[in-house]
PDB file of N, CA and C in Angstrom:
ATOM      1  N   UNK A   1     112.890  46.489 -50.553  1.00  0.00           N
ATOM      2  CA  UNK A   1     113.652  47.655 -50.152  1.00  0.00           C
ATOM      3  C   UNK A   1     114.565  47.396 -48.750  1.00  0.00           C
ATOM      4  N   UNK A   2     113.678  46.698 -47.958  1.00  0.00           N
ATOM      5  CA  UNK A   2     114.190  46.373 -46.666  1.00  0.00           C
ATOM      6  C   UNK A   2     115.511  45.148 -46.827  1.00  0.00           C
ATOM      7  N   UNK A   3     115.040  44.397 -47.883  1.00  0.00           N
ATOM      8  CA  UNK A   3     116.083  43.476 -48.016  1.00  0.00           C
ATOM      9  C   UNK A   3     117.242  43.753 -48.205  1.00  0.00           C
ATOM     10  N   UNK A   4     117.310  44.912 -49.231  1.00  0.00           N
ATOM     11  CA  UNK A   4     118.657  45.346 -49.794  1.00  0.00           C
ATOM     12  C   UNK A   4     119.369  46.180 -48.729  1.00  0.00           C
ATOM     13  N   UNK A   5     118.324  46.955 -47.508  1.00  0.00           N
ATOM     14  CA  UNK A   5     119.292  47.284 -46.705  1.00  0.00           C
ATOM     15  C   UNK A   5     119.802  46.618 -45.696  1.00  0.00           C
ATOM     16  N   UNK A   6     119.028  45.504 -45.462  1.00  0.00           N
ATOM     17  CA  UNK A   6     119.434  44.354 -44.441  1.00  0.00           C
ATOM     18  C   UNK A   6     120.837  43.688 -44.854  1.00  0.00           C
ATOM     19  N   UNK A   7     120.913  43.637 -46.405  1.00  0.00           N
ATOM     20  CA  UNK A   7     122.008  42.825 -46.900  1.00  0.00           C
ATOM     21  C   UNK A   7     123.157  44.060 -46.801  1.00  0.00           C
ATOM     22  N   UNK A   8     122.920  44.902 -46.872  1.00  0.00           N
ATOM     23  CA  UNK A   8     123.827  46.121 -47.093  1.00  0.00           C
ATOM     24  C   UNK A   8     124.623  46.134 -45.752  1.00  0.00           C
ATOM     25  N   UNK A   9     123.835  46.046 -44.804  1.00  0.00           N
ATOM     26  CA  UNK A   9     124.282  46.285 -43.232  1.00  0.00           C
ATOM     27  C   UNK A   9     125.067  45.055 -42.781  1.00  0.00           C
ATOM     28  N   UNK A  10     124.576  44.102 -43.218  1.00  0.00           N
ATOM     29  CA  UNK A  10     125.526  42.667 -43.144  1.00  0.00           C
ATOM     30  C   UNK A  10     126.784  42.761 -43.578  1.00  0.00           C
ATOM     31  N   UNK A  11     126.691  43.323 -44.910  1.00  0.00           N
ATOM     32  CA  UNK A  11     127.945  43.137 -45.632  1.00  0.00           C
ATOM     33  C   UNK A  11     128.956  44.166 -44.866  1.00  0.00           C
ATOM     34  N   UNK A  12     128.491  45.534 -44.697  1.00  0.00           N
ATOM     35  CA  UNK A  12     129.274  46.403 -43.976  1.00  0.00           C
ATOM     36  C   UNK A  12     129.946  46.026 -42.467  1.00  0.00           C
ATOM     37  N   UNK A  13     129.047  45.100 -41.747  1.00  0.00           N
ATOM     38  CA  UNK A  13     129.556  44.944 -40.480  1.00  0.00           C
ATOM     39  C   UNK A  13     130.641  43.784 -40.606  1.00  0.00           C
ATOM     40  N   UNK A  14     130.455  43.091 -41.585  1.00  0.00           N
ATOM     41  CA  UNK A  14     131.601  41.947 -41.943  1.00  0.00           C
ATOM     42  C   UNK A  14     132.617  42.415 -42.143  1.00  0.00           C
ATOM     43  N   UNK A  15     132.691  43.513 -43.126  1.00  0.00           N
ATOM     44  CA  UNK A  15     133.736  44.350 -43.334  1.00  0.00           C
ATOM     45  C   UNK A  15     134.495  44.965 -42.267  1.00  0.00           C
ATOM     46  N   UNK A  16     133.786  45.816 -41.598  1.00  0.00           N
ATOM     47  CA  UNK A  16     134.239  46.195 -40.619  1.00  0.00           C
ATOM     48  C   UNK A  16     135.052  45.421 -39.507  1.00  0.00           C
ATOM     49  N   UNK A  17     134.380  44.290 -39.123  1.00  0.00           N
ATOM     50  CA  UNK A  17     135.003  43.336 -38.164  1.00  0.00           C
ATOM     51  C   UNK A  17     136.231  42.902 -38.777  1.00  0.00           C
ATOM     52  N   UNK A  18     136.408  42.371 -40.152  1.00  0.00           N
ATOM     53  CA  UNK A  18     137.666  41.976 -40.694  1.00  0.00           C
ATOM     54  C   UNK A  18     138.930  43.063 -40.507  1.00  0.00           C
ATOM     55  N   UNK A  19     138.278  44.391 -40.929  1.00  0.00           N
ATOM     56  CA  UNK A  19     139.338  45.300 -40.526  1.00  0.00           C
ATOM     57  C   UNK A  19     139.958  45.468 -39.240  1.00  0.00           C
ATOM     58  N   UNK A  20     138.788  45.354 -38.491  1.00  0.00           N
ATOM     59  CA  UNK A  20     139.249  45.507 -36.895  1.00  0.00           C
ATOM     60  C   UNK A  20     139.956  44.235 -36.515  1.00  0.00           C
ATOM     61  N   UNK A  21     139.972  43.024 -36.997  1.00  0.00           N
ATOM     62  CA  UNK A  21     140.467  42.043 -36.751  1.00  0.00           C
ATOM     63  C   UNK A  21     141.999  42.000 -37.039  1.00  0.00           C
ATOM     64  N   UNK A  22     142.383  42.630 -38.385  1.00  0.00           N
ATOM     65  CA  UNK A  22     143.526  42.838 -39.009  1.00  0.00           C
ATOM     66  C   UNK A  22     144.385  43.574 -38.279  1.00  0.00           C
ATOM     67  N   UNK A  23     143.730  44.862 -37.907  1.00  0.00           N
ATOM     68  CA  UNK A  23     144.422  45.888 -37.031  1.00  0.00           C
ATOM     69  C   UNK A  23     144.920  45.270 -35.654  1.00  0.00           C
ATOM     70  N   UNK A  24     144.039  44.530 -35.010  1.00  0.00           N
ATOM     71  CA  UNK A  24     144.371  44.373 -33.906  1.00  0.00           C
ATOM     72  C   UNK A  24     145.428  42.962 -33.785  1.00  0.00           C
ATOM     73  N   UNK A  25     145.402  42.339 -34.808  1.00  0.00           N
ATOM     74  CA  UNK A  25     146.523  41.339 -35.244  1.00  0.00           C
ATOM     75  C   UNK A  25     147.887  41.834 -35.474  1.00  0.00           C
ATOM     76  N   UNK A  26     147.931  43.065 -36.230  1.00  0.00           N
ATOM     77  CA  UNK A  26     149.048  43.608 -36.435  1.00  0.00           C
ATOM     78  C   UNK A  26     149.457  44.266 -35.187  1.00  0.00           C
ATOM     79  N   UNK A  27     148.853  44.812 -34.292  1.00  0.00           N
ATOM     80  CA  UNK A  27     149.192  45.593 -33.197  1.00  0.00           C
ATOM     81  C   UNK A  27     149.782  44.582 -32.276  1.00  0.00           C
ATOM     82  N   UNK A  28     148.956  43.318 -32.128  1.00  0.00           N
ATOM     83  CA  UNK A  28     149.493  42.403 -31.192  1.00  0.00           C
ATOM     84  C   UNK A  28     150.792  41.834 -31.785  1.00  0.00           C
ATOM     85  N   UNK A  29     151.070  41.306 -32.627  1.00  0.00           N
ATOM     86  CA  UNK A  29     152.480  41.349 -33.460  1.00  0.00           C
ATOM     87  C   UNK A  29     153.698  42.025 -33.072  1.00  0.00           C
ATOM     88  N   UNK A  30     153.144  43.300 -33.388  1.00  0.00           N
ATOM     89  CA  UNK A  30     154.168  44.559 -32.659  1.00  0.00           C
ATOM     90  C   UNK A  30     154.613  44.402 -31.215  1.00  0.00           C
ATOM     91  N   UNK A  31     153.363  44.300 -30.592  1.00  0.00           N
ATOM     92  CA  UNK A  31     153.783  44.498 -29.091  1.00  0.00           C
ATOM     93  C   UNK A  31     154.707  42.764 -29.007  1.00  0.00           C
ATOM     94  N   UNK A  32     154.363  41.802 -29.164  1.00  0.00           N
ATOM     95  CA  UNK A  32     155.153  40.856 -29.017  1.00  0.00           C
ATOM     96  C   UNK A  32     156.691  40.772 -29.513  1.00  0.00           C
ATOM     97  N   UNK A  33     156.892  41.561 -30.536  1.00  0.00           N
ATOM     98  CA  UNK A  33     157.885  41.654 -31.243  1.00  0.00           C
ATOM     99  C   UNK A  33     158.846  43.054 -30.793  1.00  0.00           C
ATOM    100  N   UNK A  34     158.119  43.582 -29.708  1.00  0.00           N
ATOM    101  CA  UNK A  34     158.791  44.956 -29.272  1.00  0.00           C
ATOM    102  C   UNK A  34     159.956  44.592 -28.460  1.00  0.00           C
ATOM    103  N   UNK A  35     161.201  45.298 -28.889  1.00  0.00           N
ATOM    104  CA  UNK A  35     162.210  45.420 -28.254  1.00  0.00           C
ATOM    105  C   UNK A  35     163.304  46.595 -28.362  1.00  0.00           C
ATOM    106  N   UNK A  36     163.417  47.255 -27.210  1.00  0.00           N
ATOM    107  CA  UNK A  36     164.205  48.292 -27.406  1.00  0.00           C
ATOM    108  C   UNK A  36     165.369  48.258 -25.968  1.00  0.00           C
ATOM    109  N   UNK A  37     166.345  49.000 -26.135  1.00  0.00           N
ATOM    110  CA  UNK A  37     167.282  48.972 -25.007  1.00  0.00           C
ATOM    111  C   UNK A  37     166.817  49.603 -23.757  1.00  0.00           C
ATOM    112  N   UNK A  38     165.782  50.478 -24.095  1.00  0.00           N
ATOM    113  CA  UNK A  38     165.271  51.280 -22.766  1.00  0.00           C
ATOM    114  C   UNK A  38     164.259  50.307 -22.270  1.00  0.00           C
ATOM    115  N   UNK A  39     163.494  49.611 -22.917  1.00  0.00           N
ATOM    116  CA  UNK A  39     162.739  48.828 -22.472  1.00  0.00           C
ATOM    117  C   UNK A  39     163.273  47.410 -21.804  1.00  0.00           C
ATOM    118  N   UNK A  40     164.353  47.073 -22.429  1.00  0.00           N
ATOM    119  CA  UNK A  40     164.936  46.024 -21.796  1.00  0.00           C
ATOM    120  C   UNK A  40     165.961  46.139 -20.338  1.00  0.00           C
ATOM    121  N   UNK A  41     166.294  47.557 -20.417  1.00  0.00           N
ATOM    122  CA  UNK A  41     166.913  48.218 -19.191  1.00  0.00           C
ATOM    123  C   UNK A  41     166.086  48.231 -18.031  1.00  0.00           C
ATOM    124  N   UNK A  42     164.813  48.552 -18.018  1.00  0.00           N
ATOM    125  CA  UNK A  42     164.021  48.576 -17.000  1.00  0.00           C
ATOM    126  C   UNK A  42     163.395  47.083 -16.686  1.00  0.00           C
ATOM    127  N   UNK A  43     163.316  46.523 -17.795  1.00  0.00           N
ATOM    128  CA  UNK A  43     162.623  45.051 -17.579  1.00  0.00           C
ATOM    129  C   UNK A  43     163.715  44.251 -16.687  1.00  0.00           C
ATOM    130  N   UNK A  44     165.106  44.514 -16.926  1.00  0.00           N
ATOM    131  CA  UNK A  44     166.034  43.796 -16.354  1.00  0.00           C
ATOM    132  C   UNK A  44     166.452  44.211 -15.068  1.00  0.00           C
ATOM    133  N   UNK A  45     166.245  45.557 -15.044  1.00  0.00           N
ATOM    134  CA  UNK A  45     166.432  46.022 -13.453  1.00  0.00           C
ATOM    135  C   UNK A  45     165.399  45.621 -12.612  1.00  0.00           C
ATOM    136  N   UNK A  46     164.141  45.426 -13.035  1.00  0.00           N
ATOM    137  CA  UNK A  46     163.089  44.702 -12.188  1.00  0.00           C
ATOM    138  C   UNK A  46     163.558  43.333 -11.549  1.00  0.00           C
ATOM    139  N   UNK A  47     164.393  42.771 -12.533  1.00  0.00           N
ATOM    140  CA  UNK A  47     164.918  41.348 -12.081  1.00  0.00           C
ATOM    141  C   UNK A  47     166.431  41.336 -11.400  1.00  0.00           C
ATOM    142  N   UNK A  48     166.662  42.578 -11.130  1.00  0.00           N
ATOM    143  CA  UNK A  48     168.025  42.809 -10.428  1.00  0.00           C
ATOM    144  C   UNK A  48     169.141  42.722 -11.183  1.00  0.00           C
ATOM    145  N   UNK A  49     169.174  42.989 -12.274  1.00  0.00           N
ATOM    146  CA  UNK A  49     170.086  43.037 -13.306  1.00  0.00           C
ATOM    147  C   UNK A  49     170.733  44.053 -13.630  1.00  0.00           C
ATOM    148  N   UNK A  50     172.142  44.329 -13.791  1.00  0.00           N
ATOM    149  CA  UNK A  50     172.714  45.949 -14.031  1.00  0.00           C
ATOM    150  C   UNK A  50     172.444  46.242 -15.467  1.00  0.00           C
ATOM    151  N   UNK A  51     172.145  45.277 -16.531  1.00  0.00           N
ATOM    152  CA  UNK A  51     172.327  45.742 -17.792  1.00  0.00           C
ATOM    153  C   UNK A  51     171.352  45.126 -18.464  1.00  0.00           C
ATOM    154  N   UNK A  52     170.441  45.644 -19.612  1.00  0.00           N
ATOM    155  CA  UNK A  52     169.689  44.735 -20.260  1.00  0.00           C
ATOM    156  C   UNK A  52     169.941  45.569 -21.887  1.00  0.00           C
ATOM    157  N   UNK A  53     170.066  44.568 -22.760  1.00  0.00           N
ATOM    158  CA  UNK A  53     170.235  44.845 -24.133  1.00  0.00           C
ATOM    159  C   UNK A  53     169.225  44.285 -25.232  1.00  0.00           C
ATOM    160  N   UNK A  54     169.084  44.951 -25.858  1.00  0.00           N
ATOM    161  CA  UNK A  54     168.283  44.172 -27.127  1.00  0.00           C
ATOM    162  C   UNK A  54     168.709  43.579 -28.314  1.00  0.00           C
ATOM    163  N   UNK A  55     168.835  42.407 -28.145  1.00  0.00           N
ATOM    164  CA  UNK A  55     169.895  41.459 -29.284  1.00  0.00           C
ATOM    165  C   UNK A  55     168.967  40.624 -29.886  1.00  0.00           C
ATOM    166  N   UNK A  56     168.903  40.368 -31.260  1.00  0.00           N
ATOM    167  CA  UNK A  56     168.075  39.829 -32.293  1.00  0.00           C
ATOM    168  C   UNK A  56     166.664  39.708 -31.708  1.00  0.00           C
ATOM    169  N   UNK A  57     166.546  40.938 -31.346  1.00  0.00           N
ATOM    170  CA  UNK A  57     164.819  41.071 -31.056  1.00  0.00           C
ATOM    171  C   UNK A  57     164.291  40.635 -29.790  1.00  0.00           C
ATOM    172  N   UNK A  58     165.234  40.188 -28.766  1.00  0.00           N
ATOM    173  CA  UNK A  58     165.065  39.675 -27.712  1.00  0.00           C
ATOM    174  C   UNK A  58     165.915  40.640 -26.542  1.00  0.00           C
ATOM    175  N   UNK A  59     165.568  40.509 -25.333  1.00  0.00           N
ATOM    176  CA  UNK A  59     165.891  41.299 -24.308  1.00  0.00           C
ATOM    177  C   UNK A  59     166.958  40.174 -23.622  1.00  0.00           C
ATOM    178  N   UNK A  60     168.272  40.687 -23.568  1.00  0.00           N
ATOM    179  CA  UNK A  60     169.135  39.894 -22.811  1.00  0.00           C
ATOM    180  C   UNK A  60     169.546  40.712 -21.832  1.00  0.00           C
ATOM    181  N   UNK A  61     169.508  40.119 -20.564  1.00  0.00           N
ATOM    182  CA  UNK A  61     169.924  40.643 -19.290  1.00  0.00           C
ATOM    183  C   UNK A  61     171.342  40.199 -18.951  1.00  0.00           C
ATOM    184  N   UNK A  62     172.059  41.308 -18.341  1.00  0.00           N
ATOM    185  CA  UNK A  62     173.457  40.795 -18.019  1.00  0.00           C
ATOM    186  C   UNK A  62     173.913  41.455 -16.500  1.00  0.00           C
ATOM    187  N   UNK A  63     174.723  40.955 -15.949  1.00  0.00           N
ATOM    188  CA  UNK A  63     175.380  41.090 -14.567  1.00  0.00           C
ATOM    189  C   UNK A  63     174.093  41.145 -13.548  1.00  0.00           C
ATOM    190  N   UNK A  64     173.500  40.210 -13.525  1.00  0.00           N
ATOM    191  CA  UNK A  64     172.362  39.690 -12.769  1.00  0.00           C
ATOM    192  C   UNK A  64     172.954  39.242 -11.558  1.00  0.00           C
ATOM    193  N   UNK A  65     172.137  39.807 -10.318  1.00  0.00           N
ATOM    194  CA  UNK A  65     172.182  39.063  -8.938  1.00  0.00           C
ATOM    195  C   UNK A  65     171.037  38.260  -8.422  1.00  0.00           C
ATOM    196  N   UNK A  66     171.584  36.818  -8.300  1.00  0.00           N
ATOM    197  CA  UNK A  66     170.581  35.990  -7.891  1.00  0.00           C
ATOM    198  C   UNK A  66     170.161  35.830  -6.312  1.00  0.00           C
ATOM    199  N   UNK A  67     169.802  36.783  -5.974  1.00  0.00           N
ATOM    200  CA  UNK A  67     169.047  36.457  -4.544  1.00  0.00           C
ATOM    201  C   UNK A  67     167.973  37.562  -4.083  1.00  0.00           C
TER     202      UNK A  67
END
């Protein structure tokens, strides 16, 4: 009986870890692909640019001052 409980615990632990890993990978992918005009605007303002637009999934800063 003890052996069956141990095997069940190991299998459930492995399943839980695989689910958590899949969720984390999906979350990280969404974060790295995240792009919105508001996010780009504030990101580009930090770099002293007047505009920031989301184009093809990437932030594009425009009208930047380089000093």
